[in-house]
N, C-alpha and C. Protein backbone atom coordinates (compact mmCIF):
# COMPACT_ATOMS: atom_id res chain seq x y z
N MET A 1 0.85 -1.18 0.00
CA MET A 1 0.00 0.00 0.00
C MET A 1 0.90 1.24 0.00
N ARG A 2 0.53 2.21 -0.80
CA ARG A 2 1.30 3.45 -0.88
C ARG A 2 1.01 4.35 0.31
N LEU A 3 2.01 5.10 0.69
CA LEU A 3 1.90 6.06 1.78
C LEU A 3 2.15 7.44 1.23
N ILE A 4 1.21 8.35 1.45
CA ILE A 4 1.33 9.72 0.96
C ILE A 4 1.22 10.67 2.15
N TYR A 5 2.20 11.55 2.28
CA TYR A 5 2.18 12.57 3.32
C TYR A 5 1.61 13.85 2.73
N HIS A 6 0.65 14.44 3.39
CA HIS A 6 0.25 15.79 3.03
C HIS A 6 1.47 16.67 3.28
N PRO A 7 1.77 17.62 2.40
CA PRO A 7 2.98 18.45 2.60
C PRO A 7 3.04 19.12 3.97
N ASP A 8 1.91 19.56 4.49
CA ASP A 8 1.91 20.20 5.80
C ASP A 8 2.16 19.20 6.93
N ALA A 9 1.72 17.96 6.74
CA ALA A 9 2.00 16.92 7.74
C ALA A 9 3.49 16.61 7.76
N GLU A 10 4.09 16.57 6.60
CA GLU A 10 5.54 16.33 6.54
C GLU A 10 6.30 17.45 7.22
N THR A 11 5.85 18.68 7.02
CA THR A 11 6.46 19.84 7.68
C THR A 11 6.31 19.73 9.19
N GLU A 12 5.13 19.34 9.66
CA GLU A 12 4.91 19.19 11.10
C GLU A 12 5.85 18.15 11.70
N LEU A 13 6.04 17.06 10.98
CA LEU A 13 6.93 16.00 11.46
C LEU A 13 8.37 16.51 11.59
N ILE A 14 8.84 17.19 10.57
CA ILE A 14 10.21 17.71 10.56
C ILE A 14 10.39 18.77 11.64
N GLU A 15 9.44 19.68 11.76
CA GLU A 15 9.55 20.74 12.76
C GLU A 15 9.52 20.18 14.19
N ALA A 16 8.70 19.17 14.42
CA ALA A 16 8.66 18.56 15.75
C ALA A 16 9.99 17.88 16.07
N ALA A 17 10.55 17.18 15.10
CA ALA A 17 11.84 16.52 15.32
C ALA A 17 12.93 17.55 15.62
N ARG A 18 12.92 18.64 14.89
CA ARG A 18 13.90 19.71 15.15
C ARG A 18 13.72 20.30 16.54
N TYR A 19 12.48 20.53 16.93
CA TYR A 19 12.20 21.07 18.25
C TYR A 19 12.77 20.16 19.33
N TYR A 20 12.47 18.86 19.24
CA TYR A 20 12.95 17.93 20.26
C TYR A 20 14.47 17.80 20.24
N GLU A 21 15.05 17.84 19.05
CA GLU A 21 16.51 17.73 18.95
C GLU A 21 17.19 18.94 19.58
N ASN A 22 16.58 20.12 19.43
CA ASN A 22 17.13 21.33 20.03
C ASN A 22 16.99 21.32 21.55
N ARG A 23 16.02 20.59 22.07
CA ARG A 23 15.82 20.48 23.51
C ARG A 23 16.84 19.55 24.15
N VAL A 24 16.94 18.35 23.56
CA VAL A 24 17.83 17.32 24.10
C VAL A 24 18.44 16.56 22.92
N SER A 25 19.75 16.46 22.91
CA SER A 25 20.43 15.73 21.85
C SER A 25 19.87 14.31 21.73
N THR A 26 19.60 13.89 20.55
CA THR A 26 19.04 12.58 20.16
C THR A 26 17.53 12.44 20.38
N LEU A 27 16.89 13.39 21.05
CA LEU A 27 15.44 13.29 21.26
C LEU A 27 14.68 13.44 19.94
N GLY A 28 15.19 14.25 19.04
CA GLY A 28 14.57 14.40 17.73
C GLY A 28 14.61 13.09 16.95
N VAL A 29 15.73 12.39 17.03
CA VAL A 29 15.86 11.09 16.38
C VAL A 29 14.89 10.10 17.00
N GLN A 30 14.77 10.14 18.32
CA GLN A 30 13.83 9.25 19.00
C GLN A 30 12.39 9.54 18.57
N PHE A 31 12.06 10.82 18.40
CA PHE A 31 10.73 11.18 17.93
C PHE A 31 10.48 10.60 16.54
N LEU A 32 11.46 10.74 15.65
CA LEU A 32 11.30 10.21 14.29
C LEU A 32 11.18 8.69 14.30
N GLU A 33 11.93 8.03 15.17
CA GLU A 33 11.83 6.56 15.27
C GLU A 33 10.44 6.15 15.75
N GLU A 34 9.92 6.88 16.73
CA GLU A 34 8.56 6.60 17.22
C GLU A 34 7.52 6.85 16.12
N ALA A 35 7.71 7.92 15.36
CA ALA A 35 6.80 8.21 14.24
C ALA A 35 6.87 7.11 13.19
N ASP A 36 8.08 6.62 12.90
CA ASP A 36 8.23 5.52 11.93
C ASP A 36 7.51 4.26 12.41
N ARG A 37 7.64 3.94 13.70
CA ARG A 37 6.94 2.77 14.25
C ARG A 37 5.43 2.94 14.14
N ALA A 38 4.97 4.14 14.44
CA ALA A 38 3.53 4.42 14.37
C ALA A 38 3.01 4.27 12.94
N VAL A 39 3.74 4.82 11.99
CA VAL A 39 3.32 4.73 10.59
C VAL A 39 3.34 3.27 10.13
N ALA A 40 4.33 2.50 10.55
CA ALA A 40 4.38 1.08 10.19
C ALA A 40 3.16 0.34 10.73
N LEU A 41 2.75 0.65 11.96
CA LEU A 41 1.56 0.03 12.53
C LEU A 41 0.30 0.44 11.78
N ILE A 42 0.24 1.69 11.40
CA ILE A 42 -0.91 2.17 10.62
C ILE A 42 -0.98 1.42 9.29
N LEU A 43 0.15 1.28 8.61
CA LEU A 43 0.17 0.58 7.32
C LEU A 43 -0.20 -0.90 7.48
N GLU A 44 0.19 -1.48 8.59
CA GLU A 44 -0.08 -2.89 8.85
C GLU A 44 -1.57 -3.17 9.00
N ALA A 45 -2.28 -2.29 9.70
CA ALA A 45 -3.71 -2.48 9.95
C ALA A 45 -4.39 -1.13 10.12
N PRO A 46 -4.61 -0.41 9.04
CA PRO A 46 -5.13 0.96 9.14
C PRO A 46 -6.51 1.08 9.78
N GLU A 47 -7.29 0.02 9.72
CA GLU A 47 -8.64 0.08 10.28
C GLU A 47 -8.65 -0.12 11.80
N ARG A 48 -7.50 -0.38 12.39
CA ARG A 48 -7.40 -0.68 13.82
C ARG A 48 -7.73 0.51 14.71
N TRP A 49 -7.44 1.73 14.27
CA TRP A 49 -7.61 2.89 15.14
C TRP A 49 -8.92 3.61 14.86
N ARG A 50 -9.33 4.36 15.87
CA ARG A 50 -10.67 4.94 15.86
C ARG A 50 -10.87 5.97 14.74
N THR A 51 -12.10 5.99 14.25
CA THR A 51 -12.49 6.97 13.25
C THR A 51 -12.92 8.24 13.97
N ILE A 52 -12.41 9.36 13.50
CA ILE A 52 -12.78 10.64 14.09
C ILE A 52 -14.01 11.19 13.38
N ASP A 53 -13.87 11.34 12.04
CA ASP A 53 -14.94 11.95 11.26
C ASP A 53 -14.63 11.76 9.79
N GLY A 54 -15.62 11.49 9.00
CA GLY A 54 -15.46 11.43 7.56
C GLY A 54 -14.39 10.47 7.08
N GLY A 55 -14.23 9.35 7.77
CA GLY A 55 -13.24 8.37 7.37
C GLY A 55 -11.83 8.65 7.84
N VAL A 56 -11.62 9.75 8.55
CA VAL A 56 -10.31 10.08 9.09
C VAL A 56 -10.13 9.33 10.40
N ARG A 57 -8.96 8.72 10.55
CA ARG A 57 -8.65 7.96 11.76
C ARG A 57 -7.51 8.63 12.52
N SER A 58 -7.39 8.27 13.78
CA SER A 58 -6.39 8.89 14.65
C SER A 58 -5.59 7.82 15.37
N TYR A 59 -4.26 7.95 15.30
CA TYR A 59 -3.34 7.09 16.04
C TYR A 59 -2.63 7.97 17.06
N LEU A 60 -2.70 7.62 18.34
CA LEU A 60 -2.02 8.39 19.38
C LEU A 60 -0.63 7.82 19.60
N MET A 61 0.38 8.67 19.42
CA MET A 61 1.75 8.24 19.67
C MET A 61 1.91 8.01 21.17
N HIS A 62 2.74 7.04 21.53
CA HIS A 62 2.85 6.63 22.93
C HIS A 62 3.77 7.53 23.75
N ARG A 63 4.89 7.87 23.22
CA ARG A 63 5.90 8.56 24.03
C ARG A 63 5.83 10.08 23.90
N PHE A 64 5.23 10.56 22.84
CA PHE A 64 5.19 11.99 22.56
C PHE A 64 3.74 12.44 22.46
N PRO A 65 3.46 13.70 22.77
CA PRO A 65 2.07 14.18 22.78
C PRO A 65 1.56 14.55 21.39
N TYR A 66 1.52 13.56 20.52
CA TYR A 66 1.10 13.77 19.14
C TYR A 66 0.10 12.70 18.73
N ALA A 67 -0.79 13.09 17.82
CA ALA A 67 -1.69 12.15 17.17
C ALA A 67 -1.39 12.22 15.67
N ILE A 68 -1.46 11.09 15.03
CA ILE A 68 -1.31 11.03 13.58
C ILE A 68 -2.70 10.85 13.00
N TYR A 69 -3.12 11.79 12.16
CA TYR A 69 -4.42 11.70 11.50
C TYR A 69 -4.18 11.22 10.08
N TYR A 70 -4.98 10.25 9.67
CA TYR A 70 -4.81 9.67 8.34
C TYR A 70 -6.14 9.20 7.80
N ARG A 71 -6.14 8.97 6.50
CA ARG A 71 -7.32 8.45 5.83
C ARG A 71 -6.90 7.31 4.93
N GLU A 72 -7.66 6.25 4.99
CA GLU A 72 -7.37 5.06 4.19
C GLU A 72 -8.18 5.08 2.91
N PHE A 73 -7.51 4.76 1.81
CA PHE A 73 -8.14 4.59 0.51
C PHE A 73 -7.79 3.18 0.02
N PRO A 74 -8.47 2.69 -0.99
CA PRO A 74 -8.17 1.32 -1.45
C PRO A 74 -6.71 1.10 -1.84
N ASP A 75 -6.06 2.11 -2.37
CA ASP A 75 -4.70 1.95 -2.88
C ASP A 75 -3.64 2.72 -2.11
N ARG A 76 -4.04 3.45 -1.04
CA ARG A 76 -3.07 4.28 -0.34
C ARG A 76 -3.56 4.68 1.04
N ILE A 77 -2.60 5.11 1.86
CA ILE A 77 -2.88 5.77 3.14
C ILE A 77 -2.41 7.20 2.98
N HIS A 78 -3.27 8.13 3.30
CA HIS A 78 -2.94 9.55 3.19
C HIS A 78 -2.77 10.11 4.61
N LEU A 79 -1.52 10.42 5.00
CA LEU A 79 -1.25 11.01 6.30
C LEU A 79 -1.57 12.50 6.23
N LEU A 80 -2.49 12.93 7.06
CA LEU A 80 -2.98 14.31 7.00
C LEU A 80 -2.30 15.24 7.97
N ALA A 81 -1.94 14.74 9.16
CA ALA A 81 -1.38 15.64 10.19
C ALA A 81 -0.62 14.85 11.24
N PHE A 82 0.42 15.49 11.75
CA PHE A 82 1.08 15.09 12.99
C PHE A 82 0.72 16.19 13.97
N LYS A 83 -0.37 15.98 14.71
CA LYS A 83 -0.97 17.03 15.53
C LYS A 83 -0.51 16.95 16.98
N HIS A 84 0.09 18.03 17.45
CA HIS A 84 0.43 18.13 18.87
C HIS A 84 -0.88 18.29 19.63
N HIS A 85 -0.96 17.67 20.81
CA HIS A 85 -2.21 17.69 21.57
C HIS A 85 -2.67 19.09 21.97
N SER A 86 -1.76 20.05 22.00
CA SER A 86 -2.14 21.41 22.41
C SER A 86 -2.76 22.22 21.27
N ARG A 87 -2.68 21.73 20.05
CA ARG A 87 -3.23 22.48 18.92
C ARG A 87 -4.74 22.36 18.87
N HIS A 88 -5.37 23.33 18.21
CA HIS A 88 -6.82 23.30 18.03
C HIS A 88 -7.20 22.01 17.32
N PRO A 89 -8.25 21.33 17.75
CA PRO A 89 -8.59 20.03 17.18
C PRO A 89 -8.90 20.03 15.68
N ASP A 90 -9.33 21.15 15.14
CA ASP A 90 -9.78 21.17 13.75
C ASP A 90 -8.84 21.88 12.78
N TYR A 91 -7.67 22.30 13.22
CA TYR A 91 -6.81 23.11 12.36
C TYR A 91 -6.43 22.41 11.06
N TRP A 92 -6.41 21.11 11.02
CA TRP A 92 -5.93 20.31 9.89
C TRP A 92 -7.03 19.89 8.91
N ARG A 93 -8.27 20.18 9.21
CA ARG A 93 -9.40 19.63 8.44
C ARG A 93 -9.40 20.00 6.96
N TYR A 94 -8.80 21.12 6.59
CA TYR A 94 -8.76 21.50 5.18
C TYR A 94 -7.92 20.51 4.36
N ARG A 95 -7.17 19.65 5.01
CA ARG A 95 -6.29 18.69 4.34
C ARG A 95 -7.01 17.41 3.91
N ILE A 96 -8.25 17.23 4.30
CA ILE A 96 -8.97 15.99 4.00
C ILE A 96 -9.20 15.92 2.50
N PRO A 97 -8.65 14.88 1.86
CA PRO A 97 -8.85 14.74 0.41
C PRO A 97 -10.26 14.26 0.09
N GLU A 98 -10.70 14.60 -1.06
CA GLU A 98 -12.03 14.15 -1.52
C GLU A 98 -11.97 12.71 -1.98
């Protein structure tokens, strides 16, 4: 199954990793490793996590205060957001593909 990152989700991932790396050496790498594990689990069984709205699902990262929002299609998974828990819940909704 193909994996597609919304450009803004990719930016969120990179910015979060930079933030953590600037706080503590190697923490940014640990964040990216956790994100990779989360994405692998999503690809393995995308229907496993709860549906939020309109077919969008949410995976809560374990070690970091982030949720990964994604939508499953027959031929791909579209990652919409790496949302920090402090952000407004709906800021990413414009990214939902038709």
